[in-house]
């Protein structure tokens, strides 16, 4: 890897097959960043344990997510792709960072408050310390940049505070403060037309679905709520289907839908059929690559093992420096 380009780190919980929200909000950006930075992409399975009641599908979900990453264009020759728990040094750094982190700071973070709302009956120690582990992920690999949306800025600032606290406590400059690489992650609304796309709401469209499954989900999409009859003029500006047209349809088709919807020349059914066709066409290369990767799962585990080796080399160097800074015998 070329080491003068700056290093990017990002991780994602292993949620299985990825949907269009994952792709448009994160994966597409992961792929683009590979051309300009040395990227480290991690399946954060330890993070997942903080809210997971059963690990029955953890391995399968990891495989499905990595298959989607690779099929979407993540290149293990350009990037390090690995599983968080396979590099245990992250847990060691997490412990050291926890010694310089005030408890009150953790409980004030937006992430913790959000997780408490989502899991009111499972407020475990790991959940409280989640941001410290997140900081350890970033700092272990000495990432220069972390791609985030503006709403995630507090979490990166927390990581920077961890660096300051550690370096001040141990009079060192071992850890480096990462910079936010602010990315306009679009908020992708699900097929219900109101909520952010997600599996928990069953309002998602998986990238790896069959063309028939994809068409079925598109035909379920909520359109302009004010349009009651085929003869009623529609308003594309408030229609989630039109939002997807602007992503997956040609400019000419977008202009046509915009014009004909407003004049009631096209109905919602035909509008969705056109979107389904264009979305399926867009996903053809992805599905073909995914099917090819899926033929040999051992190859995927080999990619992740190679990623582990490369990631652990960085991690071990960092941990040696951290131990020395602390003064551990």
Protein backbone atom coordinates (compact mmCIF):
# COMPACT_ATOMS: atom_id res chain seq x y z
CA UNK A 1 0.00 0.00 0.00
CA UNK A 2 1.12 3.57 -0.66
CA UNK A 3 1.71 5.13 2.74
CA UNK A 4 1.77 8.82 1.80
CA UNK A 5 -1.91 9.06 0.89
CA UNK A 6 -3.31 9.21 4.41
CA UNK A 7 -5.22 6.41 6.09
CA UNK A 8 -9.00 6.07 6.39
CA UNK A 9 -10.71 3.83 8.92
CA UNK A 10 -14.34 2.81 9.05
CA UNK A 11 -16.24 -0.08 10.56
CA UNK A 12 -19.73 -1.52 10.29
CA UNK A 13 -21.68 -3.96 12.43
CA UNK A 14 -22.33 -7.31 10.70
CA UNK A 15 -25.99 -6.95 9.82
CA UNK A 16 -26.07 -9.50 6.99
CA UNK A 17 -27.19 -8.69 3.48
CA UNK A 18 -26.94 -4.98 2.84
CA UNK A 19 -29.78 -2.81 1.61
CA UNK A 20 -29.89 0.26 -0.62
CA UNK A 21 -29.63 2.53 2.40
CA UNK A 22 -26.34 0.88 3.40
CA UNK A 23 -25.07 1.13 -0.16
CA UNK A 24 -25.98 4.74 -0.86
CA UNK A 25 -25.15 5.93 2.65
CA UNK A 26 -21.81 4.21 3.20
CA UNK A 27 -20.60 1.43 0.90
CA UNK A 28 -20.54 3.56 -2.23
CA UNK A 29 -18.34 6.03 -0.36
CA UNK A 30 -16.08 3.26 0.94
CA UNK A 31 -15.40 2.20 -2.62
CA UNK A 32 -14.70 5.75 -3.83
CA UNK A 33 -12.26 6.49 -0.99
CA UNK A 34 -10.03 3.59 -2.05
CA UNK A 35 -8.80 5.62 -5.00
CA UNK A 36 -7.38 8.38 -2.83
CA UNK A 37 -6.51 6.86 0.57
CA UNK A 38 -5.17 3.75 2.21
CA UNK A 39 -8.38 2.35 3.64
CA UNK A 40 -8.96 0.04 6.58
CA UNK A 41 -12.47 -1.43 6.64
CA UNK A 42 -13.56 -3.51 9.58
CA UNK A 43 -16.49 -5.78 10.43
CA UNK A 44 -17.04 -4.67 14.02
CA UNK A 45 -18.39 -7.90 15.47
CA UNK A 46 -17.39 -7.03 19.06
CA UNK A 47 -19.48 -3.87 18.84
CA UNK A 48 -22.41 -5.99 17.71
CA UNK A 49 -22.29 -8.01 20.93
CA UNK A 50 -23.38 -4.99 22.98
CA UNK A 51 -26.97 -5.28 21.74
CA UNK A 52 -27.09 -8.80 20.32
CA UNK A 53 -29.19 -11.31 22.25
CA UNK A 54 -27.97 -14.30 20.25
CA UNK A 55 -24.90 -14.87 18.09
CA UNK A 56 -26.53 -17.68 16.13
CA UNK A 57 -26.33 -15.78 12.81
CA UNK A 58 -23.22 -13.74 13.50
CA UNK A 59 -20.91 -15.71 11.22
CA UNK A 60 -23.44 -15.91 8.39
CA UNK A 61 -24.23 -12.20 8.68
CA UNK A 62 -20.53 -11.39 8.53
CA UNK A 63 -20.13 -13.43 5.35
CA UNK A 64 -23.19 -11.83 3.73
CA UNK A 65 -22.02 -8.31 4.50
CA UNK A 66 -18.49 -8.91 3.22
CA UNK A 67 -19.89 -10.50 0.05
CA UNK A 68 -21.90 -7.34 -0.53
CA UNK A 69 -18.89 -5.13 0.16
CA UNK A 70 -16.73 -6.99 -2.33
CA UNK A 71 -19.45 -7.17 -4.97
CA UNK A 72 -20.00 -3.42 -4.64
CA UNK A 73 -16.34 -2.76 -5.42
CA UNK A 74 -14.38 -2.92 -2.19
CA UNK A 75 -10.98 -4.15 -3.32
CA UNK A 76 -8.88 -6.17 -0.84
CA UNK A 77 -5.80 -5.38 -2.94
CA UNK A 78 -6.34 -1.67 -2.31
CA UNK A 79 -7.87 -1.84 1.17
CA UNK A 80 -7.47 -3.86 4.35
CA UNK A 81 -10.70 -5.76 4.98
CA UNK A 82 -10.90 -7.74 8.22
CA UNK A 83 -12.94 -8.72 11.27
CA UNK A 84 -12.53 -6.68 14.45
CA UNK A 85 -12.28 -9.61 16.88
CA UNK A 86 -9.52 -11.22 14.80
CA UNK A 87 -7.13 -8.48 15.95
CA UNK A 88 -7.41 -8.68 19.78
CA UNK A 89 -5.03 -5.76 20.29
CA UNK A 90 -8.10 -3.55 19.97
CA UNK A 91 -9.34 -4.87 23.31
CA UNK A 92 -6.01 -4.07 24.94
CA UNK A 93 -6.04 -0.49 23.66
CA UNK A 94 -9.69 -0.21 24.70
CA UNK A 95 -8.64 -1.07 28.27
CA UNK A 96 -5.84 1.49 28.33
CA UNK A 97 -8.11 4.22 26.94
CA UNK A 98 -10.78 3.39 29.52
CA UNK A 99 -8.31 4.43 32.24
CA UNK A 100 -8.29 8.02 30.96
CA UNK A 101 -12.02 8.30 30.14
CA UNK A 102 -14.45 9.90 32.63
CA UNK A 103 -17.62 7.85 33.07
CA UNK A 104 -19.79 10.96 32.84
CA UNK A 105 -18.42 11.72 29.39
CA UNK A 106 -19.57 8.33 28.15
CA UNK A 107 -23.10 8.62 29.50
CA UNK A 108 -23.48 12.09 27.95
CA UNK A 109 -22.68 10.94 24.43
CA UNK A 110 -25.54 10.86 21.88
CA UNK A 111 -24.64 7.28 20.94
CA UNK A 112 -25.18 6.01 24.48
CA UNK A 113 -28.48 7.82 24.89
CA UNK A 114 -29.70 6.47 21.57
CA UNK A 115 -28.70 2.90 22.45
CA UNK A 116 -30.42 3.18 25.84
CA UNK A 117 -33.64 4.15 24.09
CA UNK A 118 -33.29 1.24 21.69
CA UNK A 119 -32.28 -1.31 24.35
CA UNK A 120 -33.77 -0.15 27.68
CA UNK A 121 -33.53 -3.65 29.18
CA UNK A 122 -29.94 -4.32 28.15
CA UNK A 123 -27.77 -1.49 29.49
CA UNK A 124 -24.57 -3.48 29.84
CA UNK A 125 -21.01 -2.42 30.60
CA UNK A 126 -20.02 -2.94 26.97
CA UNK A 127 -22.74 -0.57 25.82
CA UNK A 128 -21.48 2.16 28.13
CA UNK A 129 -17.93 1.64 26.90
CA UNK A 130 -18.93 1.39 23.23
CA UNK A 131 -17.40 4.79 22.32
CA UNK A 132 -14.09 3.83 23.94
CA UNK A 133 -13.92 0.68 21.82
CA UNK A 134 -14.83 2.78 18.79
CA UNK A 135 -11.96 5.13 19.61
CA UNK A 136 -9.64 2.14 20.01
CA UNK A 137 -10.61 0.93 16.53
CA UNK A 138 -9.64 4.25 15.00
CA UNK A 139 -6.51 4.92 17.04
CA UNK A 140 -5.10 1.40 16.81
CA UNK A 141 -4.67 1.82 13.06
CA UNK A 142 -3.55 5.45 13.34
CA UNK A 143 -6.25 6.62 11.00
CA UNK A 144 -5.83 10.14 9.66
CA UNK A 145 -9.45 10.38 8.56
CA UNK A 146 -12.77 8.88 9.55
CA UNK A 147 -15.65 9.33 7.08
CA UNK A 148 -18.74 10.41 9.01
CA UNK A 149 -21.90 12.42 8.65
CA UNK A 150 -22.18 15.71 10.51
CA UNK A 151 -24.43 14.07 13.12
CA UNK A 152 -21.57 11.76 14.12
CA UNK A 153 -19.16 14.60 14.86
CA UNK A 154 -19.43 14.15 18.67
CA UNK A 155 -18.08 10.61 18.40
CA UNK A 156 -14.99 11.70 16.49
CA UNK A 157 -14.43 14.56 18.91
CA UNK A 158 -14.65 12.03 21.75
CA UNK A 159 -11.91 10.00 20.05
CA UNK A 160 -9.79 13.14 19.76
CA UNK A 161 -10.32 13.80 23.47
CA UNK A 162 -9.16 10.26 24.22
CA UNK A 163 -5.94 11.04 22.36
CA UNK A 164 -5.38 14.25 24.31
CA UNK A 165 -6.10 12.58 27.63
CA UNK A 166 -3.82 9.64 26.92
CA UNK A 167 -0.95 11.71 25.54
CA UNK A 168 -1.21 14.18 28.44
CA UNK A 169 -1.40 11.48 31.11
CA UNK A 170 1.62 9.63 29.77
CA UNK A 171 3.53 12.61 28.36
CA UNK A 172 3.62 11.15 24.87
CA UNK A 173 2.59 11.80 21.31
CA UNK A 174 2.01 8.15 20.42
CA UNK A 175 -1.64 8.48 19.50
CA UNK A 176 -2.72 10.85 16.74
CA UNK A 177 -5.94 12.83 16.56
CA UNK A 178 -8.02 11.68 13.59
CA UNK A 179 -9.78 14.21 11.43
CA UNK A 180 -13.39 13.99 10.37
CA UNK A 181 -13.86 13.47 6.69
CA UNK A 182 -17.34 14.90 6.54
CA UNK A 183 -19.39 13.02 4.01
CA UNK A 184 -22.91 13.86 2.94
CA UNK A 185 -24.43 10.50 3.75
CA UNK A 186 -27.89 10.74 2.21
CA UNK A 187 -30.79 9.73 4.41
CA UNK A 188 -32.45 6.99 2.42
CA UNK A 189 -36.13 6.66 3.21
CA UNK A 190 -37.57 3.15 3.17
CA UNK A 191 -40.45 1.79 1.15
CA UNK A 192 -42.89 3.06 3.80
CA UNK A 193 -42.10 6.58 2.62
CA UNK A 194 -41.53 7.97 6.11
CA UNK A 195 -38.80 6.18 8.08
CA UNK A 196 -35.11 5.75 7.34
CA UNK A 197 -34.53 2.50 5.46
CA UNK A 198 -33.68 -0.33 7.85
CA UNK A 199 -34.16 -4.01 8.45
CA UNK A 200 -35.78 -3.55 11.84
CA UNK A 201 -38.66 -1.70 10.17
CA UNK A 202 -38.83 -4.13 7.24
CA UNK A 203 -38.90 -1.15 4.89
CA UNK A 204 -35.70 -1.99 3.07
CA UNK A 205 -34.66 -3.31 -0.35
CA UNK A 206 -31.70 -5.68 -0.23
CA UNK A 207 -29.11 -5.33 -2.94
CA UNK A 208 -28.77 -9.10 -3.26
CA UNK A 209 -32.50 -9.71 -3.72
CA UNK A 210 -33.62 -11.37 -6.94
CA UNK A 211 -35.10 -9.15 -9.66
CA UNK A 212 -38.53 -10.51 -8.77
CA UNK A 213 -38.08 -9.76 -5.07
CA UNK A 214 -36.80 -6.28 -5.85
CA UNK A 215 -39.75 -5.55 -8.13
CA UNK A 216 -42.17 -6.75 -5.46
CA UNK A 217 -40.62 -4.42 -2.87
CA UNK A 218 -40.64 -1.46 -5.25
CA UNK A 219 -44.31 -2.04 -6.03
CA UNK A 220 -44.99 -1.81 -2.27
CA UNK A 221 -43.44 1.68 -2.06
CA UNK A 222 -45.60 4.50 -0.76
CA UNK A 223 -46.02 7.31 -3.25
CA UNK A 224 -47.55 10.81 -3.06
CA UNK A 225 -50.07 10.44 -0.19
CA UNK A 226 -52.32 13.13 -1.69
CA UNK A 227 -52.78 11.28 -4.94
CA UNK A 228 -55.86 9.11 -4.48
CA UNK A 229 -56.83 8.29 -8.07
CA UNK A 230 -54.97 7.60 -11.31
CA UNK A 231 -56.45 10.78 -12.78
CA UNK A 232 -55.18 12.98 -9.92
CA UNK A 233 -52.08 15.05 -10.68
CA UNK A 234 -49.15 13.99 -8.49
CA UNK A 235 -46.37 15.89 -6.75
CA UNK A 236 -42.98 14.23 -7.32
CA UNK A 237 -41.40 16.57 -4.77
CA UNK A 238 -43.04 14.62 -1.91
CA UNK A 239 -42.84 11.18 -3.50
CA UNK A 240 -40.13 8.80 -2.32
CA UNK A 241 -40.34 6.82 -5.56
CA UNK A 242 -39.26 9.93 -7.46
CA UNK A 243 -36.29 10.31 -5.10
CA UNK A 244 -35.12 6.86 -6.19
CA UNK A 245 -35.73 7.73 -9.85
CA UNK A 246 -33.25 10.59 -9.44
CA UNK A 247 -30.65 8.05 -8.34
CA UNK A 248 -31.30 5.08 -10.61
CA UNK A 249 -33.03 6.46 -13.72
CA UNK A 250 -31.63 8.48 -16.61
CA UNK A 251 -32.00 12.26 -16.68
CA UNK A 252 -34.43 11.95 -19.56
CA UNK A 253 -36.58 9.49 -17.62
CA UNK A 254 -36.45 11.65 -14.49
CA UNK A 255 -37.63 14.67 -16.48
CA UNK A 256 -40.35 12.59 -18.10
CA UNK A 257 -41.64 11.20 -14.79
CA UNK A 258 -41.53 14.66 -13.23
CA UNK A 259 -43.58 16.13 -16.06
CA UNK A 260 -46.05 13.30 -16.61
CA UNK A 261 -46.72 12.73 -12.90
CA UNK A 262 -47.70 16.36 -12.43
CA UNK A 263 -50.07 16.19 -15.39
CA UNK A 264 -51.46 12.73 -14.46
CA UNK A 265 -50.15 11.27 -17.73
CA UNK A 266 -48.43 8.53 -15.74
CA UNK A 267 -49.83 6.66 -12.76
CA UNK A 268 -48.00 5.45 -9.66
CA UNK A 269 -48.04 1.82 -10.82
CA UNK A 270 -46.29 2.61 -14.10
CA UNK A 271 -43.91 4.94 -12.28
CA UNK A 272 -42.89 2.13 -9.92
CA UNK A 273 -42.57 -0.39 -12.73
CA UNK A 274 -40.10 1.91 -14.46
CA UNK A 275 -38.13 2.32 -11.24
CA UNK A 276 -38.04 -1.44 -10.66
CA UNK A 277 -36.71 -2.00 -14.18
CA UNK A 278 -33.99 0.63 -13.82
CA UNK A 279 -33.02 -0.49 -10.32
CA UNK A 280 -32.70 -4.10 -11.44
CA UNK A 281 -30.58 -3.04 -14.41
CA UNK A 282 -28.34 -1.02 -12.10
CA UNK A 283 -27.84 -4.01 -9.83
CA UNK A 284 -26.97 -6.51 -12.56
CA UNK A 285 -23.15 -6.09 -12.25
CA UNK A 286 -23.38 -6.23 -8.45
CA UNK A 287 -25.45 -9.41 -8.48
CA UNK A 288 -23.19 -11.10 -10.99
CA UNK A 289 -20.06 -10.32 -8.95
CA UNK A 290 -21.73 -11.40 -5.73
CA UNK A 291 -22.80 -14.72 -7.22
CA UNK A 292 -19.23 -15.32 -8.39
CA UNK A 293 -17.75 -14.51 -4.97
CA UNK A 294 -20.35 -16.69 -3.26
CA UNK A 295 -19.19 -19.76 -5.18
CA UNK A 296 -16.10 -19.94 -2.99
CA UNK A 297 -16.70 -18.82 0.59
CA UNK A 298 -13.26 -20.04 1.61
CA UNK A 299 -11.80 -17.39 -0.67
CA UNK A 300 -13.70 -14.76 1.33
CA UNK A 301 -12.32 -16.11 4.61
CA UNK A 302 -8.85 -16.06 3.01
CA UNK A 303 -9.35 -12.39 2.11
CA UNK A 304 -10.35 -11.65 5.68
CA UNK A 305 -7.35 -13.59 7.00
CA UNK A 306 -5.03 -11.63 4.75
CA UNK A 307 -6.69 -8.47 6.04
CA UNK A 308 -6.14 -9.65 9.60
CA UNK A 309 -2.44 -10.16 9.00
CA UNK A 310 -2.03 -6.71 7.49
CA UNK A 311 -4.19 -5.04 10.15
CA UNK A 312 -2.46 -6.82 13.01
CA UNK A 313 0.95 -5.68 11.83
CA UNK A 314 -0.18 -2.07 12.26
CA UNK A 315 -1.94 -2.89 15.53
CA UNK A 316 1.07 -4.59 17.11
CA UNK A 317 3.32 -1.64 16.30
CA UNK A 318 0.82 0.75 17.87
CA UNK A 319 0.42 -1.36 21.00
CA UNK A 320 4.19 -1.58 21.48
CA UNK A 321 4.38 2.21 21.36
CA UNK A 322 1.41 2.55 23.73
CA UNK A 323 2.91 0.14 26.27
CA UNK A 324 6.20 1.98 26.16
CA UNK A 325 4.48 5.34 26.62
CA UNK A 326 2.58 4.05 29.64
CA UNK A 327 5.77 2.57 31.08
CA UNK A 328 4.52 -0.99 31.39
CA UNK A 329 7.31 -3.44 32.28
